[in-house]
Protein backbone atom coordinates (compact mmCIF):
# COMPACT_ATOMS: atom_id res chain seq x y z
CA MET A 1 -6.24 2.98 84.50
CA ALA A 2 -2.83 3.13 82.91
CA VAL A 3 -0.08 5.68 82.32
CA VAL A 4 2.23 5.04 79.37
CA THR A 5 5.26 7.31 79.03
CA GLY A 6 6.80 8.25 75.70
CA ALA A 7 3.59 7.12 74.03
CA GLY A 8 3.32 9.65 71.23
CA GLY A 9 4.77 7.16 68.76
CA GLY A 10 6.64 3.88 68.37
CA LEU A 11 6.36 1.30 71.13
CA GLY A 12 4.66 3.67 73.53
CA ARG A 13 1.87 4.26 71.05
CA THR A 14 1.26 0.55 70.45
CA HIS A 15 1.45 -0.09 74.21
CA ALA A 16 -1.25 2.54 74.77
CA LEU A 17 -3.44 1.18 71.98
CA GLU A 18 -3.07 -2.40 73.22
CA LEU A 19 -3.92 -1.50 76.81
CA ALA A 20 -6.96 0.44 75.60
CA ARG A 21 -8.02 -2.54 73.47
CA LEU A 22 -7.84 -4.67 76.61
CA GLY A 23 -10.15 -2.24 78.40
CA ALA A 24 -7.79 0.13 80.22
CA LYS A 25 -8.28 3.87 80.41
CA VAL A 26 -5.01 5.40 79.27
CA LEU A 27 -3.08 8.56 79.98
CA VAL A 28 -0.85 9.02 76.94
CA ASN A 29 2.33 10.80 77.99
CA ASP A 30 4.80 12.35 75.60
CA ILE A 31 7.07 15.36 75.57
CA ASN A 32 5.15 16.40 72.44
CA LEU A 33 1.52 17.22 73.30
CA ALA A 34 0.30 17.00 69.70
CA ALA A 35 1.68 13.48 69.41
CA ALA A 36 0.17 12.45 72.75
CA ASN A 37 -3.21 13.89 71.80
CA ALA A 38 -3.12 12.13 68.44
CA VAL A 39 -2.69 8.73 70.12
CA ALA A 40 -5.39 9.57 72.67
CA GLY A 41 -7.60 10.44 69.71
CA GLU A 42 -6.96 7.05 68.14
CA ILE A 43 -8.05 5.40 71.37
CA ALA A 44 -11.16 7.56 71.64
CA ALA A 45 -12.05 6.82 68.00
CA GLY A 46 -11.99 3.13 68.88
CA GLY A 47 -14.39 3.66 71.78
CA GLY A 48 -11.79 3.94 74.55
CA ASP A 49 -11.13 6.56 77.20
CA ALA A 50 -7.80 8.41 77.00
CA PHE A 51 -6.18 11.80 77.16
CA GLY A 52 -2.78 13.20 76.31
CA PHE A 53 -0.41 14.89 78.72
CA ALA A 54 2.84 16.62 77.77
CA ALA A 55 5.64 16.18 80.31
CA SER A 56 9.27 15.18 80.41
CA VAL A 57 9.71 12.16 82.64
CA THR A 58 12.76 13.88 84.12
CA ASP A 59 10.61 16.74 85.45
CA GLU A 60 9.40 15.80 88.92
CA SER A 61 6.70 18.46 89.26
CA SER A 62 5.24 17.82 85.79
CA THR A 63 5.23 14.09 86.39
CA ALA A 64 3.48 14.52 89.74
CA ALA A 65 0.88 16.73 88.06
CA MET A 66 0.39 14.13 85.34
CA VAL A 67 -0.33 11.37 87.84
CA GLU A 68 -2.59 13.67 89.87
CA GLN A 69 -4.64 14.46 86.79
CA ALA A 70 -5.07 10.77 86.03
CA VAL A 71 -6.19 10.11 89.60
CA GLN A 72 -8.64 13.04 89.51
CA ARG A 73 -10.16 11.78 86.27
CA TRP A 74 -10.27 8.04 86.96
CA GLY A 75 -9.74 7.63 90.70
CA SER A 76 -6.47 5.73 90.54
CA VAL A 77 -3.47 4.67 88.50
CA ASP A 78 -3.24 0.90 88.38
CA ILE A 79 -0.66 0.42 85.62
CA LEU A 80 2.52 2.34 84.80
CA ILE A 81 4.49 1.55 81.66
CA ASN A 82 7.88 3.27 81.82
CA ASN A 83 8.65 3.45 78.11
CA ALA A 84 10.10 6.92 77.45
CA GLY A 85 13.68 6.93 76.21
CA ILE A 86 16.34 8.51 74.01
CA LEU A 87 19.46 7.36 72.21
CA ARG A 88 22.88 8.99 72.08
CA ASP A 89 24.81 6.16 70.42
CA ARG A 90 28.56 6.53 70.17
CA SER A 91 31.56 4.39 71.06
CA PHE A 92 32.65 4.95 74.65
CA ALA A 93 35.93 6.51 73.48
CA LYS A 94 34.00 9.21 71.61
CA MET A 95 31.04 9.56 73.97
CA THR A 96 30.85 12.71 76.08
CA LEU A 97 29.88 12.57 79.73
CA SER A 98 26.91 14.76 78.85
CA GLU A 99 25.71 12.14 76.35
CA PHE A 100 26.07 9.49 79.05
CA ARG A 101 24.17 11.50 81.65
CA ASP A 102 21.38 12.47 79.26
CA VAL A 103 20.56 8.84 78.50
CA VAL A 104 20.77 7.73 82.13
CA ASP A 105 18.59 10.67 83.20
CA VAL A 106 15.76 9.83 80.79
CA HIS A 107 15.78 6.03 81.00
CA LEU A 108 16.74 5.44 84.62
CA MET A 109 15.83 8.60 86.50
CA GLY A 110 12.75 9.14 84.34
CA SER A 111 11.49 5.70 85.36
CA VAL A 112 12.38 6.37 89.00
CA ILE A 113 10.52 9.70 88.98
CA CYS A 114 7.39 8.26 87.35
CA THR A 115 7.40 5.21 89.60
CA LYS A 116 7.83 7.34 92.71
CA ALA A 117 4.83 9.42 91.60
CA VAL A 118 2.52 6.36 91.63
CA TRP A 119 4.16 4.22 94.32
CA GLU A 120 2.41 5.50 97.44
CA GLN A 121 -1.02 5.41 95.83
CA MET A 122 -0.43 1.84 94.66
CA ARG A 123 0.65 0.87 98.17
CA GLU A 124 -2.47 2.44 99.65
CA GLN A 125 -4.82 0.72 97.20
CA ARG A 126 -2.80 -2.51 97.56
CA HIS A 127 -2.62 -3.00 93.85
CA GLY A 128 -0.28 -1.93 91.09
CA ARG A 129 1.46 -3.10 87.95
CA ILE A 130 4.70 -1.46 86.82
CA VAL A 131 6.72 -2.30 83.73
CA MET A 132 10.27 -1.06 83.22
CA THR A 133 11.68 -1.07 79.70
CA THR A 134 15.07 -2.74 79.69
CA SER A 135 16.99 -3.85 76.61
CA SER A 136 19.21 -6.58 75.21
CA SER A 137 21.87 -3.84 75.13
CA GLY A 138 21.71 -3.74 78.92
CA LEU A 139 21.30 -7.46 79.46
CA PHE A 140 23.97 -8.57 77.01
CA GLY A 141 25.81 -5.47 75.77
CA ASN A 142 25.96 -3.75 72.38
CA PHE A 143 28.70 -1.76 70.68
CA GLY A 144 28.23 2.01 70.89
CA GLN A 145 25.64 1.88 73.66
CA ALA A 146 27.54 2.09 76.93
CA ASN A 147 25.21 4.82 78.17
CA TYR A 148 22.03 3.09 77.00
CA GLY A 149 23.15 -0.34 78.21
CA ALA A 150 24.13 0.98 81.65
CA ALA A 151 20.75 2.71 82.07
CA LYS A 152 18.82 -0.32 80.85
CA MET A 153 20.59 -2.77 83.15
CA ALA A 154 20.09 -0.37 86.05
CA LEU A 155 16.35 -0.68 85.44
CA VAL A 156 16.63 -4.42 86.02
CA GLY A 157 18.17 -3.74 89.43
CA LEU A 158 15.42 -1.23 90.18
CA MET A 159 12.79 -3.78 89.19
CA GLN A 160 14.35 -6.51 91.36
CA THR A 161 14.19 -4.42 94.53
CA LEU A 162 10.81 -2.76 93.92
CA ALA A 163 9.25 -6.15 93.24
CA ILE A 164 10.46 -7.32 96.66
CA GLU A 165 9.31 -4.15 98.42
CA GLY A 166 5.96 -4.11 96.62
CA GLU A 167 5.08 -7.77 97.08
CA LYS A 168 2.99 -7.40 100.25
CA TYR A 169 1.03 -4.57 98.60
CA ASN A 170 0.21 -6.62 95.48
CA ILE A 171 2.44 -4.40 93.37
CA LYS A 172 3.97 -6.46 90.56
CA VAL A 173 7.07 -5.01 88.92
CA ASN A 174 8.49 -6.49 85.72
CA CYS A 175 10.79 -5.63 82.83
CA LEU A 176 10.11 -5.71 79.11
CA ALA A 177 13.11 -6.05 76.77
CA PRO A 178 11.69 -5.17 73.34
CA THR A 179 13.12 -5.52 69.87
CA ALA A 180 11.10 -3.26 67.61
CA ALA A 181 11.48 -1.00 64.61
CA THR A 182 10.81 2.56 65.78
CA ALA A 183 12.12 6.05 65.09
CA MET A 184 15.15 5.13 67.19
CA THR A 185 16.10 2.40 64.68
CA ASP A 186 15.63 4.43 61.48
CA GLY A 187 18.28 3.52 58.93
CA LEU A 188 19.48 0.49 60.86
CA LEU A 189 17.11 -2.19 59.51
CA SER A 190 16.07 -3.53 56.13
CA GLU A 191 12.47 -3.18 54.94
CA GLU A 192 11.79 -6.84 55.71
CA GLU A 193 13.29 -6.57 59.21
CA THR A 194 11.30 -3.41 59.85
CA ALA A 195 8.07 -5.16 58.92
CA ARG A 196 8.83 -8.23 61.04
CA LEU A 197 9.81 -6.08 64.01
CA ALA A 198 6.66 -3.97 64.09
CA PRO A 199 6.04 -2.59 67.63
CA GLU A 200 2.60 -4.23 67.72
CA TYR A 201 4.30 -7.62 67.99
CA VAL A 202 5.88 -6.53 71.28
CA SER A 203 2.92 -4.81 72.91
CA VAL A 204 0.80 -7.98 73.00
CA GLY A 205 3.17 -9.17 75.73
CA LEU A 206 1.97 -6.48 78.12
CA LEU A 207 -1.09 -8.41 79.27
CA ALA A 208 1.14 -11.10 80.74
CA LEU A 209 3.02 -8.46 82.75
CA VAL A 210 0.11 -6.32 83.99
CA GLY A 211 -2.86 -8.68 84.25
CA ASP A 212 -4.37 -10.10 87.42
CA ASP A 213 -2.14 -13.18 87.19
CA ALA A 214 1.03 -11.27 86.31
CA PRO A 215 4.34 -12.53 87.65
CA THR A 216 6.77 -10.22 89.42
CA ARG A 217 10.53 -9.78 88.88
CA ALA A 218 10.24 -11.18 85.35
CA ILE A 219 12.27 -10.01 82.36
CA LEU A 220 10.26 -10.61 79.18
CA CYS A 221 12.21 -10.40 75.92
CA ALA A 222 9.94 -9.70 72.96
CA GLY A 223 10.24 -9.10 69.24
CA ALA A 224 8.72 -10.25 65.94
CA GLY A 225 6.04 -12.16 67.86
CA HIS A 226 8.61 -14.21 69.78
CA PHE A 227 8.73 -14.13 73.60
CA ALA A 228 11.38 -15.45 75.99
CA ARG A 229 12.46 -14.86 79.58
CA SER A 230 15.88 -13.70 80.67
CA ASN A 231 17.17 -14.36 84.19
CA ILE A 232 19.99 -13.18 86.42
CA THR A 233 21.43 -16.44 87.71
CA LEU A 234 23.98 -17.67 90.25
CA THR A 235 26.20 -20.71 89.75
CA GLN A 236 26.89 -23.22 92.52
CA GLY A 237 30.41 -21.86 92.71
CA PHE A 238 33.62 -23.00 94.38
CA HIS A 239 35.04 -22.42 97.86
CA ALA A 240 38.61 -21.10 97.66
CA GLY A 241 38.97 -20.07 101.28
CA SER A 242 41.74 -17.71 102.24
CA GLY A 243 45.49 -17.83 102.70
CA ARG A 244 48.51 -16.96 100.58
CA ASP A 245 47.51 -19.21 97.70
CA ALA A 246 43.77 -18.33 97.64
CA ALA A 247 44.18 -16.12 94.58
CA GLN A 248 45.77 -19.00 92.67
CA ARG A 249 42.96 -21.33 93.77
CA VAL A 250 40.32 -18.89 92.47
CA ALA A 251 42.09 -18.50 89.12
CA GLY A 252 42.67 -22.26 88.84
CA ALA A 253 39.02 -23.07 89.59
CA TRP A 254 37.56 -20.67 87.03
CA ASP A 255 35.83 -23.47 85.11
CA ALA A 256 34.18 -24.76 88.29
CA ILE A 257 33.16 -21.23 89.29
CA SER A 258 31.63 -20.73 85.84
CA ASP A 259 29.87 -24.13 85.62
CA ARG A 260 26.23 -23.36 84.87
CA SER A 261 24.81 -26.77 85.74
CA ASP A 262 22.42 -26.43 88.67
CA GLU A 263 22.55 -22.62 88.55
CA LEU A 264 19.68 -20.86 90.25
CA VAL A 265 17.71 -17.61 90.23
CA PRO A 266 18.04 -16.08 93.72
CA ALA A 267 14.86 -14.84 95.39
CA SER A 268 16.86 -11.85 96.61
CA GLY A 269 20.44 -10.65 96.94
CA LEU A 270 20.58 -12.09 100.46
CA LEU A 271 20.92 -15.59 99.01
CA GLN A 272 24.43 -14.89 97.75
CA ARG A 273 25.61 -13.92 101.24
CA GLU A 274 23.85 -16.86 102.86
CA ARG A 275 25.41 -19.36 100.46
CA GLU A 276 28.87 -17.85 100.89
CA LEU A 277 28.64 -17.99 104.68
CA ALA A 278 27.29 -21.56 104.57
CA SER A 279 30.11 -22.61 102.24
CA GLY A 280 32.68 -21.04 104.54
CA MET A 281 31.26 -22.82 107.59
CA ARG A 282 31.14 -26.20 105.81
CA ASN A 283 34.70 -25.98 104.59
CA GLN A 284 36.01 -24.68 107.93
CA ALA A 285 34.49 -27.69 109.62
């Protein structure tokens, strides 16, 4: 039983269709009920079980009602795909604070609201699969997308912590960083690029993130049938200590601080503190 937000078209639609093809019952969410119902109809025509539900992911009461309806119909929600999003692209110099807030509200707070709506039930049933939709714009930056990039990277931080908190309840939380031609990319891609970046090529990656053997805290980058993992890493670093010349030592050791040989992926944020304290104790001795 899956809920896919923003599924009236684009990636959300192909996510919903792919999950249905794999056997999931799907609640198709979209702010546009006709669009949601159309996708649910596609699933039903293929022999699946789905229904549409119109709600903004930023509306807490509507989102709670959406999840409640799914639970009443199917008994549980096992999978949540946080896909809904908007764009308000503009260079930061020209971007209004309203344009920044609007994007953060939909991408970040929308995902928080939807996840909160399913979280307790997933804890109680000791099973859940949640996918956040991040982006290369958040992971690596992109001109004109300060709002979008900030929201998308924030979802990585949300995923990191929820994966830790959900681990003992068998709740796996991952991120998908898609590259796909959708309504949000109209006019930006050539015909050939649009064909190669069809959303269907991304959605096949969902099984790896929501199946029984799914990882947790993974960032899956997907586009044009190509899949890769991105990681937040920590270098071995350099101990500069303290004192009047510590600032000069830090600046002078920048290459050593940046050396990526033997870098690691911390199991949690606590590792940074532990390594820093251990380094301080070693060098004090």
